[in-house]
């Protein structure tokens, strides 16, 4: 979800990794760098460190980069 009042999302957003917390069963995001397994497409959260809004993008190691 995007916070329309934040003007820094493009500048301060960082990629993280999503995981399920074992104790609560909740989807969580860790802002440490993510490792993409070879041959996989991975859904990655992109979090603005200013307002906390999160967008998602797919990173692929199966597609060739231009």
PDB file of N, CA and C in Angstrom:
ATOM      1  N   UNK A   1       0.851  -1.162   0.000  1.00  0.00           N
ATOM      2  CA  UNK A   1       0.000   0.000   0.000  1.00  0.00           C
ATOM      3  C   UNK A   1       0.894   1.222   0.000  1.00  0.00           C
ATOM      4  N   UNK A   2       0.498   2.212  -0.750  1.00  0.00           N
ATOM      5  CA  UNK A   2       1.291   3.415  -0.938  1.00  0.00           C
ATOM      6  C   UNK A   2       0.708   4.548  -0.110  1.00  0.00           C
ATOM      7  N   UNK A   3       1.566   5.284   0.570  1.00  0.00           N
ATOM      8  CA  UNK A   3       1.142   6.439   1.351  1.00  0.00           C
ATOM      9  C   UNK A   3       1.243   7.660   0.444  1.00  0.00           C
ATOM     10  N   UNK A   4       0.100   8.207   0.025  1.00  0.00           N
ATOM     11  CA  UNK A   4       0.094   9.324  -0.921  1.00  0.00           C
ATOM     12  C   UNK A   4       0.738  10.582  -0.362  1.00  0.00           C
ATOM     13  N   UNK A   5       0.857  10.717   0.959  1.00  0.00           N
ATOM     14  CA  UNK A   5       1.453  11.904   1.553  1.00  0.00           C
ATOM     15  C   UNK A   5       2.970  11.863   1.609  1.00  0.00           C
ATOM     16  N   UNK A   6       3.586  10.743   1.298  1.00  0.00           N
ATOM     17  CA  UNK A   6       5.037  10.612   1.392  1.00  0.00           C
ATOM     18  C   UNK A   6       5.679  10.959   0.058  1.00  0.00           C
ATOM     19  N   UNK A   7       6.656  11.838   0.096  1.00  0.00           N
ATOM     20  CA  UNK A   7       7.353  12.226  -1.131  1.00  0.00           C
ATOM     21  C   UNK A   7       8.711  11.546  -1.255  1.00  0.00           C
ATOM     22  N   UNK A   8       9.053  10.666  -0.330  1.00  0.00           N
ATOM     23  CA  UNK A   8      10.376  10.048  -0.324  1.00  0.00           C
ATOM     24  C   UNK A   8      10.377   8.562  -0.672  1.00  0.00           C
ATOM     25  N   UNK A   9       9.211   7.997  -1.012  1.00  0.00           N
ATOM     26  CA  UNK A   9       9.134   6.559  -1.286  1.00  0.00           C
ATOM     27  C   UNK A   9      10.124   6.121  -2.368  1.00  0.00           C
ATOM     28  N   UNK A  10      10.244   6.899  -3.438  1.00  0.00           N
ATOM     29  CA  UNK A  10      11.161   6.513  -4.521  1.00  0.00           C
ATOM     30  C   UNK A  10      12.618   6.551  -4.076  1.00  0.00           C
ATOM     31  N   UNK A  11      12.942   7.423  -3.139  1.00  0.00           N
ATOM     32  CA  UNK A  11      14.334   7.608  -2.706  1.00  0.00           C
ATOM     33  C   UNK A  11      14.740   6.678  -1.564  1.00  0.00           C
ATOM     34  N   UNK A  12      13.818   6.389  -0.653  1.00  0.00           N
ATOM     35  CA  UNK A  12      14.209   5.679   0.562  1.00  0.00           C
ATOM     36  C   UNK A  12      13.690   4.248   0.643  1.00  0.00           C
ATOM     37  N   UNK A  13      13.114   3.715  -0.429  1.00  0.00           N
ATOM     38  CA  UNK A  13      12.615   2.341  -0.403  1.00  0.00           C
ATOM     39  C   UNK A  13      13.759   1.348  -0.537  1.00  0.00           C
ATOM     40  N   UNK A  14      13.673   0.272   0.232  1.00  0.00           N
ATOM     41  CA  UNK A  14      14.682  -0.789   0.190  1.00  0.00           C
ATOM     42  C   UNK A  14      13.994  -2.134  -0.003  1.00  0.00           C
ATOM     43  N   UNK A  15      14.701  -3.047  -0.636  1.00  0.00           N
ATOM     44  CA  UNK A  15      14.182  -4.399  -0.824  1.00  0.00           C
ATOM     45  C   UNK A  15      14.390  -5.194   0.451  1.00  0.00           C
ATOM     46  N   UNK A  16      13.469  -6.067   0.730  1.00  0.00           N
ATOM     47  CA  UNK A  16      13.591  -6.931   1.896  1.00  0.00           C
ATOM     48  C   UNK A  16      13.322  -8.361   1.515  1.00  0.00           C
ATOM     49  N   UNK A  17      13.029  -9.148   2.515  1.00  0.00           N
ATOM     50  CA  UNK A  17      12.635 -10.533   2.264  1.00  0.00           C
ATOM     51  C   UNK A  17      11.422 -10.811   3.128  1.00  0.00           C
ATOM     52  N   UNK A  18      10.492 -11.544   2.584  1.00  0.00           N
ATOM     53  CA  UNK A  18       9.275 -11.887   3.307  1.00  0.00           C
ATOM     54  C   UNK A  18       9.421 -13.293   3.885  1.00  0.00           C
ATOM     55  N   UNK A  19       8.854 -13.473   5.071  1.00  0.00           N
ATOM     56  CA  UNK A  19       8.879 -14.792   5.701  1.00  0.00           C
ATOM     57  C   UNK A  19       7.675 -14.927   6.626  1.00  0.00           C
ATOM     58  N   UNK A  20       7.335 -16.144   6.970  1.00  0.00           N
ATOM     59  CA  UNK A  20       6.248 -16.413   7.907  1.00  0.00           C
ATOM     60  C   UNK A  20       6.873 -16.610   9.293  1.00  0.00           C
ATOM     61  N   UNK A  21       6.440 -15.805  10.257  1.00  0.00           N
ATOM     62  CA  UNK A  21       6.911 -15.932  11.629  1.00  0.00           C
ATOM     63  C   UNK A  21       6.391 -17.250  12.208  1.00  0.00           C
ATOM     64  N   UNK A  22       7.285 -18.073  12.721  1.00  0.00           N
ATOM     65  CA  UNK A  22       6.900 -19.399  13.217  1.00  0.00           C
ATOM     66  C   UNK A  22       6.009 -19.324  14.453  1.00  0.00           C
ATOM     67  N   UNK A  23       6.202 -18.333  15.313  1.00  0.00           N
ATOM     68  CA  UNK A  23       5.417 -18.227  16.545  1.00  0.00           C
ATOM     69  C   UNK A  23       4.009 -17.721  16.292  1.00  0.00           C
ATOM     70  N   UNK A  24       3.869 -16.704  15.413  1.00  0.00           N
ATOM     71  CA  UNK A  24       2.564 -16.071  15.208  1.00  0.00           C
ATOM     72  C   UNK A  24       1.854 -16.514  13.946  1.00  0.00           C
ATOM     73  N   UNK A  25       2.616 -17.036  12.975  1.00  0.00           N
ATOM     74  CA  UNK A  25       2.032 -17.411  11.697  1.00  0.00           C
ATOM     75  C   UNK A  25       1.784 -16.222  10.786  1.00  0.00           C
ATOM     76  N   UNK A  26       2.290 -15.032  11.168  1.00  0.00           N
ATOM     77  CA  UNK A  26       2.086 -13.817  10.382  1.00  0.00           C
ATOM     78  C   UNK A  26       3.154 -13.651   9.309  1.00  0.00           C
ATOM     79  N   UNK A  27       2.768 -13.018   8.194  1.00  0.00           N
ATOM     80  CA  UNK A  27       3.723 -12.668   7.156  1.00  0.00           C
ATOM     81  C   UNK A  27       4.513 -11.462   7.646  1.00  0.00           C
ATOM     82  N   UNK A  28       5.824 -11.561   7.667  1.00  0.00           N
ATOM     83  CA  UNK A  28       6.693 -10.490   8.149  1.00  0.00           C
ATOM     84  C   UNK A  28       7.677 -10.107   7.058  1.00  0.00           C
ATOM     85  N   UNK A  29       8.265  -8.917   7.194  1.00  0.00           N
ATOM     86  CA  UNK A  29       9.268  -8.450   6.242  1.00  0.00           C
ATOM     87  C   UNK A  29      10.524  -8.073   7.005  1.00  0.00           C
ATOM     88  N   UNK A  30      11.649  -8.585   6.552  1.00  0.00           N
ATOM     89  CA  UNK A  30      12.949  -8.278   7.115  1.00  0.00           C
ATOM     90  C   UNK A  30      13.666  -7.393   6.100  1.00  0.00           C
ATOM     91  N   UNK A  31      14.211  -6.261   6.522  1.00  0.00           N
ATOM     92  CA  UNK A  31      14.829  -5.328   5.582  1.00  0.00           C
ATOM     93  C   UNK A  31      16.282  -5.651   5.271  1.00  0.00           C
ATOM     94  N   UNK A  32      16.776  -6.777   5.736  1.00  0.00           N
ATOM     95  CA  UNK A  32      18.111  -7.197   5.343  1.00  0.00           C
ATOM     96  C   UNK A  32      18.055  -7.677   3.903  1.00  0.00           C
ATOM     97  N   UNK A  33      19.191  -7.665   3.238  1.00  0.00           N
ATOM     98  CA  UNK A  33      19.190  -8.031   1.825  1.00  0.00           C
ATOM     99  C   UNK A  33      18.704  -9.459   1.631  1.00  0.00           C
ATOM    100  N   UNK A  34      17.981  -9.638   0.553  1.00  0.00           N
ATOM    101  CA  UNK A  34      17.416 -10.953   0.273  1.00  0.00           C
ATOM    102  C   UNK A  34      18.325 -11.731  -0.663  1.00  0.00           C
ATOM    103  N   UNK A  35      18.285 -13.032  -0.525  1.00  0.00           N
ATOM    104  CA  UNK A  35      19.038 -13.920  -1.406  1.00  0.00           C
ATOM    105  C   UNK A  35      18.023 -14.603  -2.308  1.00  0.00           C
ATOM    106  N   UNK A  36      18.234 -14.494  -3.608  1.00  0.00           N
ATOM    107  CA  UNK A  36      17.311 -15.097  -4.559  1.00  0.00           C
ATOM    108  C   UNK A  36      17.870 -16.444  -4.993  1.00  0.00           C
ATOM    109  N   UNK A  37      17.118 -17.514  -4.745  1.00  0.00           N
ATOM    110  CA  UNK A  37      17.588 -18.832  -5.160  1.00  0.00           C
ATOM    111  C   UNK A  37      17.693 -18.914  -6.691  1.00  0.00           C
ATOM    112  N   UNK A  38      18.700 -19.587  -7.170  1.00  0.00           N
ATOM    113  CA  UNK A  38      18.914 -19.745  -8.613  1.00  0.00           C
ATOM    114  C   UNK A  38      17.757 -20.520  -9.230  1.00  0.00           C
ATOM    115  N   UNK A  39      17.276 -20.048 -10.380  1.00  0.00           N
ATOM    116  CA  UNK A  39      16.224 -20.733 -11.103  1.00  0.00           C
ATOM    117  C   UNK A  39      14.832 -20.512 -10.549  1.00  0.00           C
ATOM    118  N   UNK A  40      14.654 -19.467  -9.739  1.00  0.00           N
ATOM    119  CA  UNK A  40      13.354 -19.207  -9.113  1.00  0.00           C
ATOM    120  C   UNK A  40      12.897 -17.778  -9.411  1.00  0.00           C
ATOM    121  N   UNK A  41      11.588 -17.579  -9.406  1.00  0.00           N
ATOM    122  CA  UNK A  41      11.002 -16.249  -9.414  1.00  0.00           C
ATOM    123  C   UNK A  41      10.570 -15.966  -7.981  1.00  0.00           C
ATOM    124  N   UNK A  42      10.944 -14.795  -7.454  1.00  0.00           N
ATOM    125  CA  UNK A  42      10.700 -14.498  -6.056  1.00  0.00           C
ATOM    126  C   UNK A  42       9.924 -13.199  -5.930  1.00  0.00           C
ATOM    127  N   UNK A  43       8.893 -13.189  -5.101  1.00  0.00           N
ATOM    128  CA  UNK A  43       8.132 -11.992  -4.789  1.00  0.00           C
ATOM    129  C   UNK A  43       8.849 -11.266  -3.658  1.00  0.00           C
ATOM    130  N   UNK A  44       9.258 -10.010  -3.920  1.00  0.00           N
ATOM    131  CA  UNK A  44      10.072  -9.260  -2.962  1.00  0.00           C
ATOM    132  C   UNK A  44       9.326  -8.013  -2.508  1.00  0.00           C
ATOM    133  N   UNK A  45       9.272  -7.791  -1.176  1.00  0.00           N
ATOM    134  CA  UNK A  45       8.675  -6.558  -0.672  1.00  0.00           C
ATOM    135  C   UNK A  45       9.654  -5.399  -0.808  1.00  0.00           C
ATOM    136  N   UNK A  46       9.142  -4.241  -1.208  1.00  0.00           N
ATOM    137  CA  UNK A  46       9.944  -3.022  -1.283  1.00  0.00           C
ATOM    138  C   UNK A  46       9.300  -2.043  -0.313  1.00  0.00           C
ATOM    139  N   UNK A  47      10.025  -1.696   0.771  1.00  0.00           N
ATOM    140  CA  UNK A  47       9.469  -0.925   1.872  1.00  0.00           C
ATOM    141  C   UNK A  47      10.106   0.449   1.926  1.00  0.00           C
ATOM    142  N   UNK A  48       9.266   1.484   2.034  1.00  0.00           N
ATOM    143  CA  UNK A  48       9.762   2.850   2.220  1.00  0.00           C
ATOM    144  C   UNK A  48      10.173   2.993   3.678  1.00  0.00           C
ATOM    145  N   UNK A  49      11.429   3.357   3.917  1.00  0.00           N
ATOM    146  CA  UNK A  49      11.909   3.491   5.287  1.00  0.00           C
ATOM    147  C   UNK A  49      11.452   4.797   5.927  1.00  0.00           C
ATOM    148  N   UNK A  50      10.818   5.676   5.164  1.00  0.00           N
ATOM    149  CA  UNK A  50      10.291   6.919   5.714  1.00  0.00           C
ATOM    150  C   UNK A  50       8.876   6.728   6.242  1.00  0.00           C
ATOM    151  N   UNK A  51       7.967   6.189   5.408  1.00  0.00           N
ATOM    152  CA  UNK A  51       6.558   6.087   5.810  1.00  0.00           C
ATOM    153  C   UNK A  51       6.095   4.656   6.064  1.00  0.00           C
ATOM    154  N   UNK A  52       6.878   3.662   5.634  1.00  0.00           N
ATOM    155  CA  UNK A  52       6.519   2.272   5.878  1.00  0.00           C
ATOM    156  C   UNK A  52       5.636   1.642   4.820  1.00  0.00           C
ATOM    157  N   UNK A  53       5.289   2.373   3.766  1.00  0.00           N
ATOM    158  CA  UNK A  53       4.445   1.773   2.737  1.00  0.00           C
ATOM    159  C   UNK A  53       5.223   0.663   2.023  1.00  0.00           C
ATOM    160  N   UNK A  54       4.483  -0.347   1.580  1.00  0.00           N
ATOM    161  CA  UNK A  54       5.103  -1.512   0.968  1.00  0.00           C
ATOM    162  C   UNK A  54       4.516  -1.768  -0.411  1.00  0.00           C
ATOM    163  N   UNK A  55       5.380  -1.998  -1.376  1.00  0.00           N
ATOM    164  CA  UNK A  55       4.973  -2.457  -2.698  1.00  0.00           C
ATOM    165  C   UNK A  55       5.692  -3.785  -2.925  1.00  0.00           C
ATOM    166  N   UNK A  56       5.243  -4.532  -3.907  1.00  0.00           N
ATOM    167  CA  UNK A  56       5.823  -5.849  -4.180  1.00  0.00           C
ATOM    168  C   UNK A  56       6.275  -5.911  -5.622  1.00  0.00           C
ATOM    169  N   UNK A  57       7.409  -6.586  -5.862  1.00  0.00           N
ATOM    170  CA  UNK A  57       7.864  -6.812  -7.230  1.00  0.00           C
ATOM    171  C   UNK A  57       8.414  -8.222  -7.335  1.00  0.00           C
ATOM    172  N   UNK A  58       8.461  -8.710  -8.553  1.00  0.00           N
ATOM    173  CA  UNK A  58       8.970 -10.053  -8.792  1.00  0.00           C
ATOM    174  C   UNK A  58      10.388  -9.935  -9.349  1.00  0.00           C
ATOM    175  N   UNK A  59      11.299 -10.673  -8.748  1.00  0.00           N
ATOM    176  CA  UNK A  59      12.658 -10.779  -9.279  1.00  0.00           C
ATOM    177  C   UNK A  59      12.815 -12.190  -9.816  1.00  0.00           C
ATOM    178  N   UNK A  60      13.401 -12.284 -10.975  1.00  0.00           N
ATOM    179  CA  UNK A  60      13.533 -13.567 -11.625  1.00  0.00           C
ATOM    180  C   UNK A  60      14.987 -13.858 -11.942  1.00  0.00           C
ATOM    181  N   UNK A  61      15.431 -15.060 -11.654  1.00  0.00           N
ATOM    182  CA  UNK A  61      16.752 -15.484 -12.092  1.00  0.00           C
ATOM    183  C   UNK A  61      16.630 -16.371 -13.318  1.00  0.00           C
ATOM    184  N   UNK A  62      15.384 -16.570 -13.784  1.00  0.00           N
ATOM    185  CA  UNK A  62      15.178 -17.422 -14.956  1.00  0.00           C
ATOM    186  C   UNK A  62      15.119 -16.609 -16.243  1.00  0.00           C
ATOM    187  N   UNK A  63      14.893 -15.280 -16.128  1.00  0.00           N
ATOM    188  CA  UNK A  63      14.816 -14.435 -17.308  1.00  0.00           C
ATOM    189  C   UNK A  63      16.156 -13.748 -17.549  1.00  0.00           C
ATOM    190  N   UNK A  64      16.499 -13.567 -18.812  1.00  0.00           N
ATOM    191  CA  UNK A  64      17.725 -12.860 -19.133  1.00  0.00           C
ATOM    192  C   UNK A  64      17.508 -11.375 -19.000  1.00  0.00           C
ATOM    193  N   UNK A  65      18.513 -10.655 -18.424  1.00  0.00           N
ATOM    194  CA  UNK A  65      18.416  -9.221 -18.303  1.00  0.00           C
ATOM    195  C   UNK A  65      18.889  -8.568 -19.587  1.00  0.00           C
ATOM    196  N   UNK A  66      18.272  -7.410 -19.921  1.00  0.00           N
ATOM    197  CA  UNK A  66      18.653  -6.696 -21.148  1.00  0.00           C
ATOM    198  C   UNK A  66      19.932  -5.926 -20.956  1.00  0.00           C
TER     199      UNK A  66
END
